[in-house]
Amino acid sequence: MALNPAYFQPVNYDVPGKKKKLPTVPTKEELLKLLSYVQDVRIGFSIFVGCFQGLRIGEIIALKWSEVNLKDGELTVRDGKNPRRRKSGYGKDRLVVINKMFLPIWEAWRAMNPEEEYVIPDVSHNGMRAPHNTLLRRLQKRLQIYLERAELLEVESVQSNGVERYKYHFHSFRHVCGTNLRRAGMKIEDVRDFLGHEDVVSTQVYTELTREDLRETSHIAYAYPKSHLGMQKIPAVEITMDKETLLLQKEILEKKLELAKIWMNAGYTRMEAEQNAELCQY
């Protein structure tokens, strides 16, 4: 069987326009700590979709319920990121599978928003949904507040224009997804398609991030049977789809959904319900 040469090609970080620094992936403990501080359930669900579906935050905000098929366990990203958008005038569409273990969370979120057109609901002061970029900035700002409360808001670098770039942001959750897919053994081409990358070069960053896993496996494979020189097992640092993690995340989300539902049944608007829910956290 011929080996795919893409597995042996190192990432070229000197290509113009390519990032030279590997992204930082949140640990399981950091994610659970962050979720404990999240009060806006939309942020919590966006983190969930980023970690387990690999969607970009812009794709999450633009996602409509008409594009989510809970019966077959799949969703369709419309007009996604496309480097050739300027020429074609349109992004890229892709189909993303929803693992059956995550369907109950999607169904609970749908039950909470039965009349909404968009997966991430929003009602501005004028009763209309905020423009895409406005809503994006709002959610990013709220995420930074929760990261700061969780003591996870850390400046990683300062760009040439003086803008600070933080260690963790919405795109970090997408990196969690890509790293876990690669660690689980998914072929790099399949990871590329799942995440909607233009080419496999962008996806190779996850091979770099999981290199310690490969090093450990290789060392054990070639160690003598009675050797005590085996490499000590390195604990996984990224979140894994284990039962304990899923139950914790499901419990947090269900509690927030139930709390908001109680306020809404009492006659409060969604905005008032969210504000009351936040007050109950203290």
C-alpha atoms as a PDB file:
ATOM      1  CA  MET A   1       0.000   0.000   0.000  1.00  0.00           C
ATOM      2  CA  ALA A   2       1.459   3.350  -1.035  1.00  0.00           C
ATOM      3  CA  LEU A   3       1.982   5.871   1.732  1.00  0.00           C
ATOM      4  CA  ASN A   4       0.596   9.351   1.336  1.00  0.00           C
ATOM      5  CA  PRO A   5       3.570  11.728   0.928  1.00  0.00           C
ATOM      6  CA  ALA A   6       1.597  14.465   2.693  1.00  0.00           C
ATOM      7  CA  TYR A   7       2.327  12.740   6.023  1.00  0.00           C
ATOM      8  CA  PHE A   8       6.063  13.299   5.569  1.00  0.00           C
ATOM      9  CA  GLN A   9       5.995  16.894   4.355  1.00  0.00           C
ATOM     10  CA  PRO A  10       6.896  19.362   7.120  1.00  0.00           C
ATOM     11  CA  VAL A  11       4.842  22.496   7.481  1.00  0.00           C
ATOM     12  CA  ASN A  12       6.473  25.328   5.561  1.00  0.00           C
ATOM     13  CA  TYR A  13       6.242  28.249   7.945  1.00  0.00           C
ATOM     14  CA  ASP A  14       8.228  30.497   5.619  1.00  0.00           C
ATOM     15  CA  VAL A  15       5.522  30.636   2.965  1.00  0.00           C
ATOM     16  CA  PRO A  16       4.279  34.238   2.660  1.00  0.00           C
ATOM     17  CA  GLY A  17       0.981  34.700   4.449  1.00  0.00           C
ATOM     18  CA  LYS A  18       1.400  31.539   6.568  1.00  0.00           C
ATOM     19  CA  LYS A  19       1.598  31.680  10.352  1.00  0.00           C
ATOM     20  CA  LYS A  20       5.011  30.854  11.763  1.00  0.00           C
ATOM     21  CA  LYS A  21       3.805  29.956  15.252  1.00  0.00           C
ATOM     22  CA  LEU A  22       1.884  26.855  16.193  1.00  0.00           C
ATOM     23  CA  PRO A  23      -1.508  27.672  17.720  1.00  0.00           C
ATOM     24  CA  THR A  24      -2.042  27.137  21.427  1.00  0.00           C
ATOM     25  CA  VAL A  25      -4.738  24.550  22.174  1.00  0.00           C
ATOM     26  CA  PRO A  26      -6.736  24.845  25.432  1.00  0.00           C
ATOM     27  CA  THR A  27      -6.454  21.918  27.814  1.00  0.00           C
ATOM     28  CA  LYS A  28      -9.448  19.957  29.029  1.00  0.00           C
ATOM     29  CA  GLU A  29      -9.079  21.534  32.468  1.00  0.00           C
ATOM     30  CA  GLU A  30      -8.938  25.056  30.992  1.00  0.00           C
ATOM     31  CA  LEU A  31     -12.054  24.455  28.916  1.00  0.00           C
ATOM     32  CA  LEU A  32     -14.050  23.161  31.870  1.00  0.00           C
ATOM     33  CA  LYS A  33     -12.844  26.085  33.986  1.00  0.00           C
ATOM     34  CA  LEU A  34     -13.871  28.552  31.279  1.00  0.00           C
ATOM     35  CA  LEU A  35     -17.320  26.944  30.930  1.00  0.00           C
ATOM     36  CA  SER A  36     -17.882  27.351  34.661  1.00  0.00           C
ATOM     37  CA  TYR A  37     -17.616  31.133  34.197  1.00  0.00           C
ATOM     38  CA  VAL A  38     -19.714  31.387  31.027  1.00  0.00           C
ATOM     39  CA  GLN A  39     -23.071  33.013  31.744  1.00  0.00           C
ATOM     40  CA  ASP A  40     -24.293  33.656  28.200  1.00  0.00           C
ATOM     41  CA  VAL A  41     -25.541  30.246  27.018  1.00  0.00           C
ATOM     42  CA  ARG A  42     -24.887  31.312  23.415  1.00  0.00           C
ATOM     43  CA  ILE A  43     -21.179  31.528  24.218  1.00  0.00           C
ATOM     44  CA  GLY A  44     -21.297  28.095  25.833  1.00  0.00           C
ATOM     45  CA  PHE A  45     -22.985  26.535  22.820  1.00  0.00           C
ATOM     46  CA  SER A  46     -20.581  28.283  20.437  1.00  0.00           C
ATOM     47  CA  ILE A  47     -17.654  26.780  22.369  1.00  0.00           C
ATOM     48  CA  PHE A  48     -19.313  23.370  22.122  1.00  0.00           C
ATOM     49  CA  VAL A  49     -19.816  23.675  18.341  1.00  0.00           C
ATOM     50  CA  GLY A  50     -16.255  24.898  17.860  1.00  0.00           C
ATOM     51  CA  CYS A  51     -14.733  22.035  19.864  1.00  0.00           C
ATOM     52  CA  PHE A  52     -16.766  19.186  18.417  1.00  0.00           C
ATOM     53  CA  GLN A  53     -17.899  20.377  14.983  1.00  0.00           C
ATOM     54  CA  GLY A  54     -14.873  22.508  14.125  1.00  0.00           C
ATOM     55  CA  LEU A  55     -16.892  25.461  12.827  1.00  0.00           C
ATOM     56  CA  ARG A  56     -15.418  28.948  12.662  1.00  0.00           C
ATOM     57  CA  ILE A  57     -17.212  31.499  14.840  1.00  0.00           C
ATOM     58  CA  GLY A  58     -18.445  33.327  11.723  1.00  0.00           C
ATOM     59  CA  GLU A  59     -19.905  30.054  10.433  1.00  0.00           C
ATOM     60  CA  ILE A  60     -21.584  29.386  13.790  1.00  0.00           C
ATOM     61  CA  ILE A  61     -23.253  32.803  13.843  1.00  0.00           C
ATOM     62  CA  ALA A  62     -24.450  32.429  10.227  1.00  0.00           C
ATOM     63  CA  LEU A  63     -25.758  28.870  10.709  1.00  0.00           C
ATOM     64  CA  LYS A  64     -29.533  28.502  10.338  1.00  0.00           C
ATOM     65  CA  TRP A  65     -31.714  25.719  11.665  1.00  0.00           C
ATOM     66  CA  SER A  66     -32.803  24.972   8.101  1.00  0.00           C
ATOM     67  CA  GLU A  67     -29.180  23.910   7.503  1.00  0.00           C
ATOM     68  CA  VAL A  68     -29.110  21.530  10.495  1.00  0.00           C
ATOM     69  CA  ASN A  69     -30.481  18.012   9.988  1.00  0.00           C
ATOM     70  CA  LEU A  70     -30.821  16.454  13.425  1.00  0.00           C
ATOM     71  CA  LYS A  71     -32.580  13.386  12.027  1.00  0.00           C
ATOM     72  CA  ASP A  72     -29.573  12.358   9.937  1.00  0.00           C
ATOM     73  CA  GLY A  73     -27.006  13.996  12.214  1.00  0.00           C
ATOM     74  CA  GLU A  74     -25.430  16.510   9.868  1.00  0.00           C
ATOM     75  CA  LEU A  75     -25.254  20.220   9.143  1.00  0.00           C
ATOM     76  CA  THR A  76     -24.348  22.238   6.077  1.00  0.00           C
ATOM     77  CA  VAL A  77     -22.049  25.237   6.202  1.00  0.00           C
ATOM     78  CA  ARG A  78     -23.086  27.691   3.504  1.00  0.00           C
ATOM     79  CA  ASP A  79     -20.832  30.322   2.011  1.00  0.00           C
ATOM     80  CA  GLY A  80     -17.908  29.435   4.286  1.00  0.00           C
ATOM     81  CA  LYS A  81     -14.388  30.798   4.156  1.00  0.00           C
ATOM     82  CA  ASN A  82     -12.941  30.824   0.643  1.00  0.00           C
ATOM     83  CA  PRO A  83      -9.601  32.380  -0.380  1.00  0.00           C
ATOM     84  CA  ARG A  84     -11.033  32.796  -3.868  1.00  0.00           C
ATOM     85  CA  ARG A  85     -14.150  34.625  -2.692  1.00  0.00           C
ATOM     86  CA  ARG A  86     -13.029  37.872  -4.342  1.00  0.00           C
ATOM     87  CA  LYS A  87     -13.067  36.189  -7.751  1.00  0.00           C
ATOM     88  CA  SER A  88     -16.026  33.846  -7.325  1.00  0.00           C
ATOM     89  CA  GLY A  89     -18.177  36.123  -5.165  1.00  0.00           C
ATOM     90  CA  TYR A  90     -19.146  33.169  -2.958  1.00  0.00           C
ATOM     91  CA  GLY A  91     -17.569  31.064  -0.233  1.00  0.00           C
ATOM     92  CA  LYS A  92     -17.456  27.289   0.091  1.00  0.00           C
ATOM     93  CA  ASP A  93     -20.202  24.890   1.174  1.00  0.00           C
ATOM     94  CA  ARG A  94     -19.396  21.770   3.177  1.00  0.00           C
ATOM     95  CA  LEU A  95     -21.234  19.009   4.986  1.00  0.00           C
ATOM     96  CA  VAL A  96     -20.289  18.411   8.633  1.00  0.00           C
ATOM     97  CA  VAL A  97     -21.335  15.236  10.434  1.00  0.00           C
ATOM     98  CA  ILE A  98     -22.787  15.537  13.948  1.00  0.00           C
ATOM     99  CA  ASN A  99     -21.706  12.587  16.079  1.00  0.00           C
ATOM    100  CA  LYS A 100     -24.700  10.803  17.593  1.00  0.00           C
ATOM    101  CA  MET A 101     -23.347  11.339  21.113  1.00  0.00           C
ATOM    102  CA  PHE A 102     -23.773  15.106  20.600  1.00  0.00           C
ATOM    103  CA  LEU A 103     -27.293  15.007  19.136  1.00  0.00           C
ATOM    104  CA  PRO A 104     -29.048  15.256  22.561  1.00  0.00           C
ATOM    105  CA  ILE A 105     -27.280  18.577  23.204  1.00  0.00           C
ATOM    106  CA  TRP A 106     -28.299  19.878  19.768  1.00  0.00           C
ATOM    107  CA  GLU A 107     -31.881  18.747  20.378  1.00  0.00           C
ATOM    108  CA  ALA A 108     -31.976  20.436  23.797  1.00  0.00           C
ATOM    109  CA  TRP A 109     -30.676  23.667  22.256  1.00  0.00           C
ATOM    110  CA  ARG A 110     -33.303  23.459  19.501  1.00  0.00           C
ATOM    111  CA  ALA A 111     -36.063  22.939  22.078  1.00  0.00           C
ATOM    112  CA  MET A 112     -34.884  26.079  23.827  1.00  0.00           C
ATOM    113  CA  ASN A 113     -35.130  28.090  20.603  1.00  0.00           C
ATOM    114  CA  PRO A 114     -38.053  26.494  18.692  1.00  0.00           C
ATOM    115  CA  GLU A 115     -39.041  29.604  16.736  1.00  0.00           C
ATOM    116  CA  GLU A 116     -35.574  30.902  15.946  1.00  0.00           C
ATOM    117  CA  GLU A 117     -34.245  31.043  12.388  1.00  0.00           C
ATOM    118  CA  TYR A 118     -30.599  31.037  13.451  1.00  0.00           C
ATOM    119  CA  VAL A 119     -28.857  28.520  15.689  1.00  0.00           C
ATOM    120  CA  ILE A 120     -27.340  31.393  17.693  1.00  0.00           C
ATOM    121  CA  PRO A 121     -30.300  33.655  18.540  1.00  0.00           C
ATOM    122  CA  ASP A 122     -30.044  37.387  18.976  1.00  0.00           C
ATOM    123  CA  VAL A 123     -32.486  40.223  19.589  1.00  0.00           C
ATOM    124  CA  SER A 124     -31.182  43.787  19.584  1.00  0.00           C
ATOM    125  CA  HIS A 125     -32.825  46.750  21.276  1.00  0.00           C
ATOM    126  CA  ASN A 126     -34.859  47.485  18.142  1.00  0.00           C
ATOM    127  CA  GLY A 127     -36.250  43.953  18.111  1.00  0.00           C
ATOM    128  CA  MET A 128     -34.174  42.955  15.085  1.00  0.00           C
ATOM    129  CA  ARG A 129     -31.219  40.623  14.797  1.00  0.00           C
ATOM    130  CA  ALA A 130     -27.913  42.478  14.905  1.00  0.00           C
ATOM    131  CA  PRO A 131     -25.773  42.527  11.732  1.00  0.00           C
ATOM    132  CA  HIS A 132     -23.334  39.635  11.439  1.00  0.00           C
ATOM    133  CA  ASN A 133     -20.167  41.608  12.266  1.00  0.00           C
ATOM    134  CA  THR A 134     -21.850  43.436  15.159  1.00  0.00           C
ATOM    135  CA  LEU A 135     -22.969  40.166  16.737  1.00  0.00           C
ATOM    136  CA  LEU A 136     -19.505  38.705  16.156  1.00  0.00           C
ATOM    137  CA  ARG A 137     -17.842  41.559  18.041  1.00  0.00           C
ATOM    138  CA  ARG A 138     -20.331  41.271  20.907  1.00  0.00           C
ATOM    139  CA  LEU A 139     -19.693  37.565  21.384  1.00  0.00           C
ATOM    140  CA  GLN A 140     -15.935  38.051  21.134  1.00  0.00           C
ATOM    141  CA  LYS A 141     -16.063  40.756  23.792  1.00  0.00           C
ATOM    142  CA  ARG A 142     -18.132  38.561  26.118  1.00  0.00           C
ATOM    143  CA  LEU A 143     -15.767  35.645  25.617  1.00  0.00           C
ATOM    144  CA  GLN A 144     -12.856  37.874  26.653  1.00  0.00           C
ATOM    145  CA  ILE A 145     -14.743  38.793  29.836  1.00  0.00           C
ATOM    146  CA  TYR A 146     -15.232  35.121  30.711  1.00  0.00           C
ATOM    147  CA  LEU A 147     -11.619  34.295  29.860  1.00  0.00           C
ATOM    148  CA  GLU A 148     -10.491  37.080  32.187  1.00  0.00           C
ATOM    149  CA  ARG A 149     -12.705  35.814  35.019  1.00  0.00           C
ATOM    150  CA  ALA A 150     -11.261  32.338  34.507  1.00  0.00           C
ATOM    151  CA  GLU A 151      -7.731  33.853  34.546  1.00  0.00           C
ATOM    152  CA  LEU A 152      -7.156  32.621  30.996  1.00  0.00           C
ATOM    153  CA  LEU A 153      -6.984  35.987  29.221  1.00  0.00           C
ATOM    154  CA  GLU A 154      -3.331  36.249  28.276  1.00  0.00           C
ATOM    155  CA  VAL A 155      -1.732  38.425  25.600  1.00  0.00           C
ATOM    156  CA  GLU A 156       0.282  36.124  23.349  1.00  0.00           C
ATOM    157  CA  SER A 157       1.689  38.684  20.933  1.00  0.00           C
ATOM    158  CA  VAL A 158       1.312  42.226  19.626  1.00  0.00           C
ATOM    159  CA  GLN A 159       0.702  42.658  15.914  1.00  0.00           C
ATOM    160  CA  SER A 160       2.551  45.189  13.764  1.00  0.00           C
ATOM    161  CA  ASN A 161      -0.435  47.560  13.985  1.00  0.00           C
ATOM    162  CA  GLY A 162      -0.265  47.491  17.786  1.00  0.00           C
ATOM    163  CA  VAL A 163      -3.323  45.261  18.243  1.00  0.00           C
ATOM    164  CA  GLU A 164      -2.912  42.652  20.973  1.00  0.00           C
ATOM    165  CA  ARG A 165      -3.506  39.030  20.061  1.00  0.00           C
ATOM    166  CA  TYR A 166      -4.705  36.845  22.905  1.00  0.00           C
ATOM    167  CA  LYS A 167      -3.625  33.297  23.653  1.00  0.00           C
ATOM    168  CA  TYR A 168      -7.191  31.965  23.529  1.00  0.00           C
ATOM    169  CA  HIS A 169     -10.067  33.115  21.347  1.00  0.00           C
ATOM    170  CA  PHE A 170     -12.969  31.530  19.457  1.00  0.00           C
ATOM    171  CA  HIS A 171     -10.650  29.985  16.873  1.00  0.00           C
ATOM    172  CA  SER A 172      -8.860  28.108  19.663  1.00  0.00           C
ATOM    173  CA  PHE A 173     -11.887  25.819  20.007  1.00  0.00           C
ATOM    174  CA  ARG A 174     -11.620  24.912  16.337  1.00  0.00           C
ATOM    175  CA  HIS A 175      -8.008  23.922  17.020  1.00  0.00           C
ATOM    176  CA  VAL A 176      -9.272  21.611  19.775  1.00  0.00           C
ATOM    177  CA  CYS A 177     -11.421  19.862  17.178  1.00  0.00           C
ATOM    178  CA  GLY A 178      -8.667  19.538  14.575  1.00  0.00           C
ATOM    179  CA  THR A 179      -6.142  18.255  17.112  1.00  0.00           C
ATOM    180  CA  ASN A 180      -8.516  15.636  18.485  1.00  0.00           C
ATOM    181  CA  LEU A 181      -9.524  14.398  15.041  1.00  0.00           C
ATOM    182  CA  ARG A 182      -5.864  13.959  14.096  1.00  0.00           C
ATOM    183  CA  ARG A 183      -5.023  12.347  17.423  1.00  0.00           C
ATOM    184  CA  ALA A 184      -7.908   9.904  16.983  1.00  0.00           C
ATOM    185  CA  GLY A 185      -6.301   8.715  13.744  1.00  0.00           C
ATOM    186  CA  MET A 186      -8.409  10.506  11.144  1.00  0.00           C
ATOM    187  CA  LYS A 187      -6.550  10.874   7.857  1.00  0.00           C
ATOM    188  CA  ILE A 188      -5.175  14.326   7.254  1.00  0.00           C
ATOM    189  CA  GLU A 189      -7.244  14.670   4.061  1.00  0.00           C
ATOM    190  CA  ASP A 190     -10.417  13.892   6.015  1.00  0.00           C
ATOM    191  CA  VAL A 191      -9.506  16.431   8.693  1.00  0.00           C
ATOM    192  CA  ARG A 192      -8.997  18.969   5.908  1.00  0.00           C
ATOM    193  CA  ASP A 193     -12.470  18.281   4.514  1.00  0.00           C
ATOM    194  CA  PHE A 194     -14.099  18.260   7.964  1.00  0.00           C
ATOM    195  CA  LEU A 195     -12.661  21.672   8.836  1.00  0.00           C
ATOM    196  CA  GLY A 196     -13.097  23.130   5.351  1.00  0.00           C
ATOM    197  CA  HIS A 197      -9.451  23.943   4.683  1.00  0.00           C
ATOM    198  CA  GLU A 198      -8.470  24.979   1.175  1.00  0.00           C
ATOM    199  CA  ASP A 199      -5.528  22.558   1.058  1.00  0.00           C
ATOM    200  CA  VAL A 200      -3.794  20.003   3.246  1.00  0.00           C
ATOM    201  CA  VAL A 201      -0.949  22.420   4.077  1.00  0.00           C
ATOM    202  CA  SER A 202      -3.228  24.313   6.473  1.00  0.00           C
ATOM    203  CA  THR A 203      -4.268  21.046   8.109  1.00  0.00           C
ATOM    204  CA  GLN A 204      -0.714  19.850   8.699  1.00  0.00           C
ATOM    205  CA  VAL A 205      -0.501  22.097  11.753  1.00  0.00           C
ATOM    206  CA  TYR A 206      -2.457  19.397  13.628  1.00  0.00           C
ATOM    207  CA  THR A 207       0.146  16.816  12.692  1.00  0.00           C
ATOM    208  CA  GLU A 208       2.715  19.114  14.312  1.00  0.00           C
ATOM    209  CA  LEU A 209       0.554  19.512  17.409  1.00  0.00           C
ATOM    210  CA  THR A 210       0.190  15.733  17.814  1.00  0.00           C
ATOM    211  CA  ARG A 211       3.850  14.969  17.142  1.00  0.00           C
ATOM    212  CA  GLU A 212       4.422  14.079  20.820  1.00  0.00           C
ATOM    213  CA  ASP A 213       1.794  11.345  20.461  1.00  0.00           C
ATOM    214  CA  LEU A 214       3.606   9.920  17.447  1.00  0.00           C
ATOM    215  CA  ARG A 215       6.961  10.122  19.217  1.00  0.00           C
ATOM    216  CA  GLU A 216       5.616   8.222  22.226  1.00  0.00           C
ATOM    217  CA  THR A 217       4.030   5.509  20.059  1.00  0.00           C
ATOM    218  CA  SER A 218       7.206   5.077  18.024  1.00  0.00           C
ATOM    219  CA  HIS A 219       9.375   4.790  21.126  1.00  0.00           C
ATOM    220  CA  ILE A 220       7.150   2.127  22.685  1.00  0.00           C
ATOM    221  CA  ALA A 221       6.923   0.196  19.418  1.00  0.00           C
ATOM    222  CA  TYR A 222      10.723  -0.160  19.104  1.00  0.00           C
ATOM    223  CA  ALA A 223      11.485  -0.683  22.792  1.00  0.00           C
ATOM    224  CA  TYR A 224      12.780  -4.103  23.876  1.00  0.00           C
ATOM    225  CA  PRO A 225      10.120  -6.156  25.707  1.00  0.00           C
ATOM    226  CA  LYS A 226      11.968  -6.050  29.044  1.00  0.00           C
ATOM    227  CA  SER A 227      13.353  -2.574  28.647  1.00  0.00           C
ATOM    228  CA  HIS A 228      12.789  -0.104  31.442  1.00  0.00           C
ATOM    229  CA  LEU A 229      13.876   2.750  29.229  1.00  0.00           C
ATOM    230  CA  GLY A 230      10.414   3.234  27.788  1.00  0.00           C
ATOM    231  CA  MET A 231       9.276   6.795  27.490  1.00  0.00           C
ATOM    232  CA  GLN A 232       7.002   7.833  30.304  1.00  0.00           C
ATOM    233  CA  LYS A 233       3.429   8.265  29.139  1.00  0.00           C
ATOM    234  CA  ILE A 234       2.654  11.890  28.415  1.00  0.00           C
ATOM    235  CA  PRO A 235      -0.784  12.983  29.680  1.00  0.00           C
ATOM    236  CA  ALA A 236      -3.063  14.323  26.969  1.00  0.00           C
ATOM    237  CA  VAL A 237      -3.399  18.088  27.121  1.00  0.00           C
ATOM    238  CA  GLU A 238      -6.285  18.619  24.756  1.00  0.00           C
ATOM    239  CA  ILE A 239      -9.892  17.851  25.584  1.00  0.00           C
ATOM    240  CA  THR A 240     -10.960  14.343  24.610  1.00  0.00           C
ATOM    241  CA  MET A 241     -14.417  13.041  23.847  1.00  0.00           C
ATOM    242  CA  ASP A 242     -14.574  10.832  26.952  1.00  0.00           C
ATOM    243  CA  LYS A 243     -17.817  10.089  28.723  1.00  0.00           C
ATOM    244  CA  GLU A 244     -16.918  12.110  31.819  1.00  0.00           C
ATOM    245  CA  THR A 245     -16.228  15.257  29.807  1.00  0.00           C
ATOM    246  CA  LEU A 246     -19.425  14.933  27.788  1.00  0.00           C
ATOM    247  CA  LEU A 247     -21.537  14.435  30.905  1.00  0.00           C
ATOM    248  CA  LEU A 248     -19.970  17.484  32.577  1.00  0.00           C
ATOM    249  CA  GLN A 249     -20.535  19.664  29.540  1.00  0.00           C
ATOM    250  CA  LYS A 250     -24.069  18.347  29.111  1.00  0.00           C
ATOM    251  CA  GLU A 251     -24.846  19.017  32.786  1.00  0.00           C
ATOM    252  CA  ILE A 252     -23.559  22.604  32.598  1.00  0.00           C
ATOM    253  CA  LEU A 253     -25.529  23.318  29.424  1.00  0.00           C
ATOM    254  CA  GLU A 254     -28.738  21.702  30.720  1.00  0.00           C
ATOM    255  CA  LYS A 255     -28.598  23.713  33.940  1.00  0.00           C
ATOM    256  CA  LYS A 256     -28.205  26.965  32.021  1.00  0.00           C
ATOM    257  CA  LEU A 257     -30.999  26.011  29.604  1.00  0.00           C
ATOM    258  CA  GLU A 258     -33.336  25.091  32.452  1.00  0.00           C
ATOM    259  CA  LEU A 259     -32.613  28.311  34.330  1.00  0.00           C
ATOM    260  CA  ALA A 260     -33.290  30.467  31.275  1.00  0.00           C
ATOM    261  CA  LYS A 261     -36.454  28.472  30.491  1.00  0.00           C
ATOM    262  CA  ILE A 262     -37.838  29.132  33.989  1.00  0.00           C
ATOM    263  CA  TRP A 263     -37.399  32.886  33.585  1.00  0.00           C
ATOM    264  CA  MET A 264     -38.954  32.867  30.118  1.00  0.00           C
ATOM    265  CA  ASN A 265     -41.958  30.852  31.342  1.00  0.00           C
ATOM    266  CA  ALA A 266     -42.400  33.520  34.001  1.00  0.00           C
ATOM    267  CA  GLY A 267     -43.044  36.047  31.260  1.00  0.00           C
ATOM    268  CA  TYR A 268     -39.629  37.611  30.815  1.00  0.00           C
ATOM    269  CA  THR A 269     -38.160  38.383  27.399  1.00  0.00           C
ATOM    270  CA  ARG A 270     -35.044  36.495  26.273  1.00  0.00           C
ATOM    271  CA  MET A 271     -32.839  39.480  27.073  1.00  0.00           C
ATOM    272  CA  GLU A 272     -34.342  39.799  30.565  1.00  0.00           C
ATOM    273  CA  ALA A 273     -34.057  36.054  31.086  1.00  0.00           C
ATOM    274  CA  GLU A 274     -30.354  36.152  30.217  1.00  0.00           C
ATOM    275  CA  GLN A 275     -29.793  39.069  32.593  1.00  0.00           C
ATOM    276  CA  ASN A 276     -31.628  37.277  35.402  1.00  0.00           C
ATOM    277  CA  ALA A 277     -29.738  34.076  34.710  1.00  0.00           C
ATOM    278  CA  GLU A 278     -26.457  35.983  35.017  1.00  0.00           C
ATOM    279  CA  LEU A 279     -27.547  37.489  38.357  1.00  0.00           C
ATOM    280  CA  CYS A 280     -28.291  34.010  39.682  1.00  0.00           C
ATOM    281  CA  GLN A 281     -24.689  33.013  39.114  1.00  0.00           C
ATOM    282  CA  TYR A 282     -23.518  35.166  42.008  1.00  0.00           C
END
